[in-house]
PDB file of all heavy atoms in Angstrom:
ATOM      1  N   GLU A   1      45.843  67.627 -42.604  1.00  0.00           N
ATOM      2  CA  GLU A   1      45.904  68.903 -41.872  1.00  0.00           C
ATOM      3  C   GLU A   1      44.533  69.567 -41.817  1.00  0.00           C
ATOM      4  O   GLU A   1      44.148  70.137 -40.791  1.00  0.00           O
ATOM      5  CB  GLU A   1      46.917  69.824 -42.540  1.00  0.00           C
ATOM      6  CG  GLU A   1      48.370  69.348 -42.373  1.00  0.00           C
ATOM      7  CD  GLU A   1      49.349  70.198 -43.169  1.00  0.00           C
ATOM      8  OE1 GLU A   1      48.888  71.132 -43.872  1.00  0.00           O
ATOM      9  OE2 GLU A   1      50.549  69.921 -43.100  1.00  0.00           O
ATOM     10  N   ASP A   2      43.794  69.458 -42.936  1.00  0.00           N
ATOM     11  CA  ASP A   2      42.432  70.011 -42.950  1.00  0.00           C
ATOM     12  C   ASP A   2      41.571  69.330 -41.900  1.00  0.00           C
ATOM     13  O   ASP A   2      40.787  69.990 -41.186  1.00  0.00           O
ATOM     14  CB  ASP A   2      41.795  69.818 -44.330  1.00  0.00           C
ATOM     15  CG  ASP A   2      42.395  70.723 -45.381  1.00  0.00           C
ATOM     16  OD1 ASP A   2      43.056  71.711 -45.005  1.00  0.00           O
ATOM     17  OD2 ASP A   2      42.192  70.437 -46.580  1.00  0.00           O
ATOM     18  N   LEU A   3      41.688  68.009 -41.800  1.00  0.00           N
ATOM     19  CA  LEU A   3      40.917  67.257 -40.808  1.00  0.00           C
ATOM     20  C   LEU A   3      41.318  67.634 -39.389  1.00  0.00           C
ATOM     21  O   LEU A   3      40.465  67.762 -38.498  1.00  0.00           O
ATOM     22  CB  LEU A   3      41.121  65.743 -41.024  1.00  0.00           C
ATOM     23  CG  LEU A   3      40.434  65.124 -42.247  1.00  0.00           C
ATOM     24  CD1 LEU A   3      40.903  63.699 -42.470  1.00  0.00           C
ATOM     25  CD2 LEU A   3      38.923  65.145 -42.053  1.00  0.00           C
ATOM     26  N   GLU A   4      42.602  67.827 -39.183  1.00  0.00           N
ATOM     27  CA  GLU A   4      43.113  68.126 -37.850  1.00  0.00           C
ATOM     28  C   GLU A   4      42.617  69.481 -37.342  1.00  0.00           C
ATOM     29  O   GLU A   4      42.287  69.644 -36.158  1.00  0.00           O
ATOM     30  CB  GLU A   4      44.647  68.103 -37.860  1.00  0.00           C
ATOM     31  CG  GLU A   4      45.263  68.315 -36.492  1.00  0.00           C
ATOM     32  CD  GLU A   4      46.790  68.249 -36.557  1.00  0.00           C
ATOM     33  OE1 GLU A   4      47.312  67.864 -37.628  1.00  0.00           O
ATOM     34  OE2 GLU A   4      47.434  68.591 -35.558  1.00  0.00           O
ATOM     35  N   PHE A   5      42.551  70.449 -38.234  1.00  0.00           N
ATOM     36  CA  PHE A   5      42.182  71.806 -37.827  1.00  0.00           C
ATOM     37  C   PHE A   5      40.710  72.129 -38.085  1.00  0.00           C
ATOM     38  O   PHE A   5      40.277  73.258 -37.868  1.00  0.00           O
ATOM     39  CB  PHE A   5      43.060  72.838 -38.557  1.00  0.00           C
ATOM     40  CG  PHE A   5      44.508  72.762 -38.175  1.00  0.00           C
ATOM     41  CD1 PHE A   5      45.454  72.240 -39.041  1.00  0.00           C
ATOM     42  CD2 PHE A   5      44.928  73.210 -36.922  1.00  0.00           C
ATOM     43  CE1 PHE A   5      46.789  72.165 -38.688  1.00  0.00           C
ATOM     44  CE2 PHE A   5      46.264  73.140 -36.555  1.00  0.00           C
ATOM     45  CZ  PHE A   5      47.203  72.613 -37.427  1.00  0.00           C
ATOM     46  N   MET A   6      39.934  71.149 -38.540  1.00  0.00           N
ATOM     47  CA  MET A   6      38.536  71.394 -38.889  1.00  0.00           C
ATOM     48  C   MET A   6      37.677  71.694 -37.659  1.00  0.00           C
ATOM     49  O   MET A   6      36.793  72.533 -37.697  1.00  0.00           O
ATOM     50  CB  MET A   6      37.959  70.188 -39.647  1.00  0.00           C
ATOM     51  CG  MET A   6      36.537  70.415 -40.140  1.00  0.00           C
ATOM     52  SD  MET A   6      35.920  68.996 -41.076  1.00  0.00           S
ATOM     53  CE  MET A   6      36.957  69.088 -42.538  1.00  0.00           C
ATOM     54  N   GLY A   7      37.944  70.992 -36.566  1.00  0.00           N
ATOM     55  CA  GLY A   7      37.131  71.197 -35.368  1.00  0.00           C
ATOM     56  C   GLY A   7      35.811  70.453 -35.474  1.00  0.00           C
ATOM     57  O   GLY A   7      35.562  69.706 -36.412  1.00  0.00           O
ATOM     58  N   PRO A   8      34.918  70.661 -34.499  1.00  0.00           N
ATOM     59  CA  PRO A   8      33.625  69.965 -34.494  1.00  0.00           C
ATOM     60  C   PRO A   8      32.777  70.346 -35.713  1.00  0.00           C
ATOM     61  O   PRO A   8      32.773  71.506 -36.142  1.00  0.00           O
ATOM     62  CB  PRO A   8      32.960  70.445 -33.198  1.00  0.00           C
ATOM     63  CG  PRO A   8      34.076  70.992 -32.366  1.00  0.00           C
ATOM     64  CD  PRO A   8      35.079  71.536 -33.322  1.00  0.00           C
ATOM     65  N   VAL A   9      32.075  69.373 -36.255  1.00  0.00           N
ATOM     66  CA  VAL A   9      31.174  69.619 -37.385  1.00  0.00           C
ATOM     67  C   VAL A   9      29.847  68.936 -37.108  1.00  0.00           C
ATOM     68  O   VAL A   9      29.763  67.981 -36.337  1.00  0.00           O
ATOM     69  CB  VAL A   9      31.764  69.094 -38.719  1.00  0.00           C
ATOM     70  CG1 VAL A   9      32.996  69.873 -39.105  1.00  0.00           C
ATOM     71  CG2 VAL A   9      32.055  67.612 -38.638  1.00  0.00           C
ATOM     72  N   ARG A  10      28.800  69.400 -37.766  1.00  0.00           N
ATOM     73  CA  ARG A  10      27.482  68.805 -37.569  1.00  0.00           C
ATOM     74  C   ARG A  10      27.386  67.476 -38.305  1.00  0.00           C
ATOM     75  O   ARG A  10      27.898  67.329 -39.427  1.00  0.00           O
ATOM     76  CB  ARG A  10      26.389  69.746 -38.089  1.00  0.00           C
ATOM     77  CG  ARG A  10      26.291  71.073 -37.334  1.00  0.00           C
ATOM     78  CD  ARG A  10      25.072  71.846 -37.784  1.00  0.00           C
ATOM     79  NE  ARG A  10      25.075  72.059 -39.239  1.00  0.00           N
ATOM     80  CZ  ARG A  10      24.027  72.514 -39.920  1.00  0.00           C
ATOM     81  NH1 ARG A  10      22.908  72.798 -39.279  1.00  0.00           N
ATOM     82  NH2 ARG A  10      24.112  72.708 -41.223  1.00  0.00           N
ATOM     83  N   LEU A  11      26.730  66.514 -37.678  1.00  0.00           N
ATOM     84  CA  LEU A  11      26.554  65.202 -38.284  1.00  0.00           C
ATOM     85  C   LEU A  11      25.835  65.302 -39.616  1.00  0.00           C
ATOM     86  O   LEU A  11      26.184  64.615 -40.581  1.00  0.00           O
ATOM     87  CB  LEU A  11      25.770  64.283 -37.340  1.00  0.00           C
ATOM     88  CG  LEU A  11      25.458  62.870 -37.876  1.00  0.00           C
ATOM     89  CD1 LEU A  11      26.734  62.116 -38.186  1.00  0.00           C
ATOM     90  CD2 LEU A  11      24.594  62.103 -36.878  1.00  0.00           C
ATOM     91  N   VAL A  12      24.849  66.181 -39.687  1.00  0.00           N
ATOM     92  CA  VAL A  12      24.079  66.323 -40.922  1.00  0.00           C
ATOM     93  C   VAL A  12      24.967  66.789 -42.077  1.00  0.00           C
ATOM     94  O   VAL A  12      24.782  66.382 -43.234  1.00  0.00           O
ATOM     95  CB  VAL A  12      22.894  67.306 -40.722  1.00  0.00           C
ATOM     96  CG1 VAL A  12      23.380  68.712 -40.436  1.00  0.00           C
ATOM     97  CG2 VAL A  12      21.980  67.301 -41.935  1.00  0.00           C
ATOM     98  N   ASP A  13      25.982  67.627 -41.777  1.00  0.00           N
ATOM     99  CA  ASP A  13      26.898  68.091 -42.825  1.00  0.00           C
ATOM    100  C   ASP A  13      27.825  66.968 -43.288  1.00  0.00           C
ATOM    101  O   ASP A  13      28.147  66.867 -44.476  1.00  0.00           O
ATOM    102  CB  ASP A  13      27.720  69.274 -42.312  1.00  0.00           C
ATOM    103  CG  ASP A  13      26.885  70.506 -42.078  1.00  0.00           C
ATOM    104  OD1 ASP A  13      25.857  70.659 -42.771  1.00  0.00           O
ATOM    105  OD2 ASP A  13      27.254  71.322 -41.209  1.00  0.00           O
ATOM    106  N   VAL A  14      28.245  66.134 -42.337  1.00  0.00           N
ATOM    107  CA  VAL A  14      29.089  64.981 -42.686  1.00  0.00           C
ATOM    108  C   VAL A  14      28.315  64.029 -43.588  1.00  0.00           C
ATOM    109  O   VAL A  14      28.820  63.561 -44.622  1.00  0.00           O
ATOM    110  CB  VAL A  14      29.566  64.241 -41.419  1.00  0.00           C
ATOM    111  CG1 VAL A  14      30.269  62.936 -41.790  1.00  0.00           C
ATOM    112  CG2 VAL A  14      30.504  65.134 -40.613  1.00  0.00           C
ATOM    113  N   GLU A  15      27.075  63.730 -43.201  1.00  0.00           N
ATOM    114  CA  GLU A  15      26.258  62.805 -43.992  1.00  0.00           C
ATOM    115  C   GLU A  15      25.965  63.364 -45.373  1.00  0.00           C
ATOM    116  O   GLU A  15      25.965  62.623 -46.369  1.00  0.00           O
ATOM    117  CB  GLU A  15      24.957  62.509 -43.258  1.00  0.00           C
ATOM    118  CG  GLU A  15      25.142  61.670 -42.001  1.00  0.00           C
ATOM    119  CD  GLU A  15      23.827  61.327 -41.335  1.00  0.00           C
ATOM    120  OE1 GLU A  15      22.789  61.907 -41.730  1.00  0.00           O
ATOM    121  OE2 GLU A  15      23.840  60.481 -40.436  1.00  0.00           O
ATOM    122  N   LYS A  16      25.730  64.665 -45.451  1.00  0.00           N
ATOM    123  CA  LYS A  16      25.475  65.295 -46.749  1.00  0.00           C
ATOM    124  C   LYS A  16      26.691  65.167 -47.666  1.00  0.00           C
ATOM    125  O   LYS A  16      26.555  64.867 -48.862  1.00  0.00           O
ATOM    126  CB  LYS A  16      25.111  66.764 -46.546  1.00  0.00           C
ATOM    127  CG  LYS A  16      24.713  67.480 -47.826  1.00  0.00           C
ATOM    128  CD  LYS A  16      24.315  68.922 -47.551  1.00  0.00           C
ATOM    129  CE  LYS A  16      23.941  69.640 -48.838  1.00  0.00           C
ATOM    130  NZ  LYS A  16      23.561  71.074 -48.558  1.00  0.00           N
ATOM    131  N   ALA A  17      27.875  65.377 -47.112  1.00  0.00           N
ATOM    132  CA  ALA A  17      29.114  65.258 -47.905  1.00  0.00           C
ATOM    133  C   ALA A  17      29.332  63.819 -48.346  1.00  0.00           C
ATOM    134  O   ALA A  17      29.729  63.555 -49.491  1.00  0.00           O
ATOM    135  CB  ALA A  17      30.302  65.750 -47.078  1.00  0.00           C
ATOM    136  N   GLN A  18      29.077  62.869 -47.442  1.00  0.00           N
ATOM    137  CA  GLN A  18      29.234  61.454 -47.790  1.00  0.00           C
ATOM    138  C   GLN A  18      28.255  61.055 -48.885  1.00  0.00           C
ATOM    139  O   GLN A  18      28.611  60.315 -49.812  1.00  0.00           O
ATOM    140  CB  GLN A  18      29.045  60.584 -46.553  1.00  0.00           C
ATOM    141  CG  GLN A  18      30.176  60.722 -45.540  1.00  0.00           C
ATOM    142  CD  GLN A  18      29.997  59.830 -44.329  1.00  0.00           C
ATOM    143  OE1 GLN A  18      28.929  59.244 -44.131  1.00  0.00           O
ATOM    144  NE2 GLN A  18      31.032  59.731 -43.503  1.00  0.00           N
ATOM    145  N   GLN A  19      27.012  61.534 -48.798  1.00  0.00           N
ATOM    146  CA  GLN A  19      26.017  61.228 -49.817  1.00  0.00           C
ATOM    147  C   GLN A  19      26.402  61.809 -51.166  1.00  0.00           C
ATOM    148  O   GLN A  19      26.151  61.198 -52.207  1.00  0.00           O
ATOM    149  CB  GLN A  19      24.641  61.740 -49.376  1.00  0.00           C
ATOM    150  CG  GLN A  19      24.025  60.932 -48.246  1.00  0.00           C
ATOM    151  CD  GLN A  19      22.772  61.562 -47.675  1.00  0.00           C
ATOM    152  OE1 GLN A  19      22.426  62.705 -48.005  1.00  0.00           O
ATOM    153  NE2 GLN A  19      22.087  60.840 -46.808  1.00  0.00           N
ATOM    154  N   ALA A  20      27.019  62.995 -51.159  1.00  0.00           N
ATOM    155  CA  ALA A  20      27.454  63.615 -52.416  1.00  0.00           C
ATOM    156  C   ALA A  20      28.522  62.752 -53.091  1.00  0.00           C
ATOM    157  O   ALA A  20      28.518  62.577 -54.319  1.00  0.00           O
ATOM    158  CB  ALA A  20      27.996  65.016 -52.144  1.00  0.00           C
ATOM    159  N   ILE A  21      29.435  62.200 -52.292  1.00  0.00           N
ATOM    160  CA  ILE A  21      30.494  61.345 -52.845  1.00  0.00           C
ATOM    161  C   ILE A  21      29.916  60.027 -53.333  1.00  0.00           C
ATOM    162  O   ILE A  21      30.295  59.516 -54.396  1.00  0.00           O
ATOM    163  CB  ILE A  21      31.598  61.113 -51.788  1.00  0.00           C
ATOM    164  CG1 ILE A  21      32.299  62.440 -51.482  1.00  0.00           C
ATOM    165  CG2 ILE A  21      32.613  60.079 -52.275  1.00  0.00           C
ATOM    166  CD1 ILE A  21      33.291  62.378 -50.341  1.00  0.00           C
ATOM    167  N   VAL A  22      28.977  59.465 -52.565  1.00  0.00           N
ATOM    168  CA  VAL A  22      28.328  58.219 -52.987  1.00  0.00           C
ATOM    169  C   VAL A  22      27.583  58.437 -54.302  1.00  0.00           C
ATOM    170  O   VAL A  22      27.581  57.561 -55.175  1.00  0.00           O
ATOM    171  CB  VAL A  22      27.368  57.712 -51.889  1.00  0.00           C
ATOM    172  CG1 VAL A  22      26.482  56.587 -52.426  1.00  0.00           C
ATOM    173  CG2 VAL A  22      28.155  57.202 -50.695  1.00  0.00           C
ATOM    174  N   ALA A  23      26.958  59.606 -54.471  1.00  0.00           N
ATOM    175  CA  ALA A  23      26.254  59.917 -55.722  1.00  0.00           C
ATOM    176  C   ALA A  23      27.227  59.913 -56.900  1.00  0.00           C
ATOM    177  O   ALA A  23      26.892  59.428 -57.992  1.00  0.00           O
ATOM    178  CB  ALA A  23      25.559  61.274 -55.611  1.00  0.00           C
ATOM    179  N   ILE A  24      28.433  60.440 -56.678  1.00  0.00           N
ATOM    180  CA  ILE A  24      29.457  60.434 -57.731  1.00  0.00           C
ATOM    181  C   ILE A  24      29.865  58.999 -58.056  1.00  0.00           C
ATOM    182  O   ILE A  24      30.004  58.624 -59.228  1.00  0.00           O
ATOM    183  CB  ILE A  24      30.689  61.249 -57.288  1.00  0.00           C
ATOM    184  CG1 ILE A  24      30.340  62.738 -57.222  1.00  0.00           C
ATOM    185  CG2 ILE A  24      31.877  61.021 -58.228  1.00  0.00           C
ATOM    186  CD1 ILE A  24      31.420  63.603 -56.607  1.00  0.00           C
TER     187      ILE A  24
END
């Protein structure tokens, strides 16, 4: 549901979040 209602996001924010998870 969060994904469905999130709307457009910046690519840089997506990559930053992915990098944070990869760091974990």
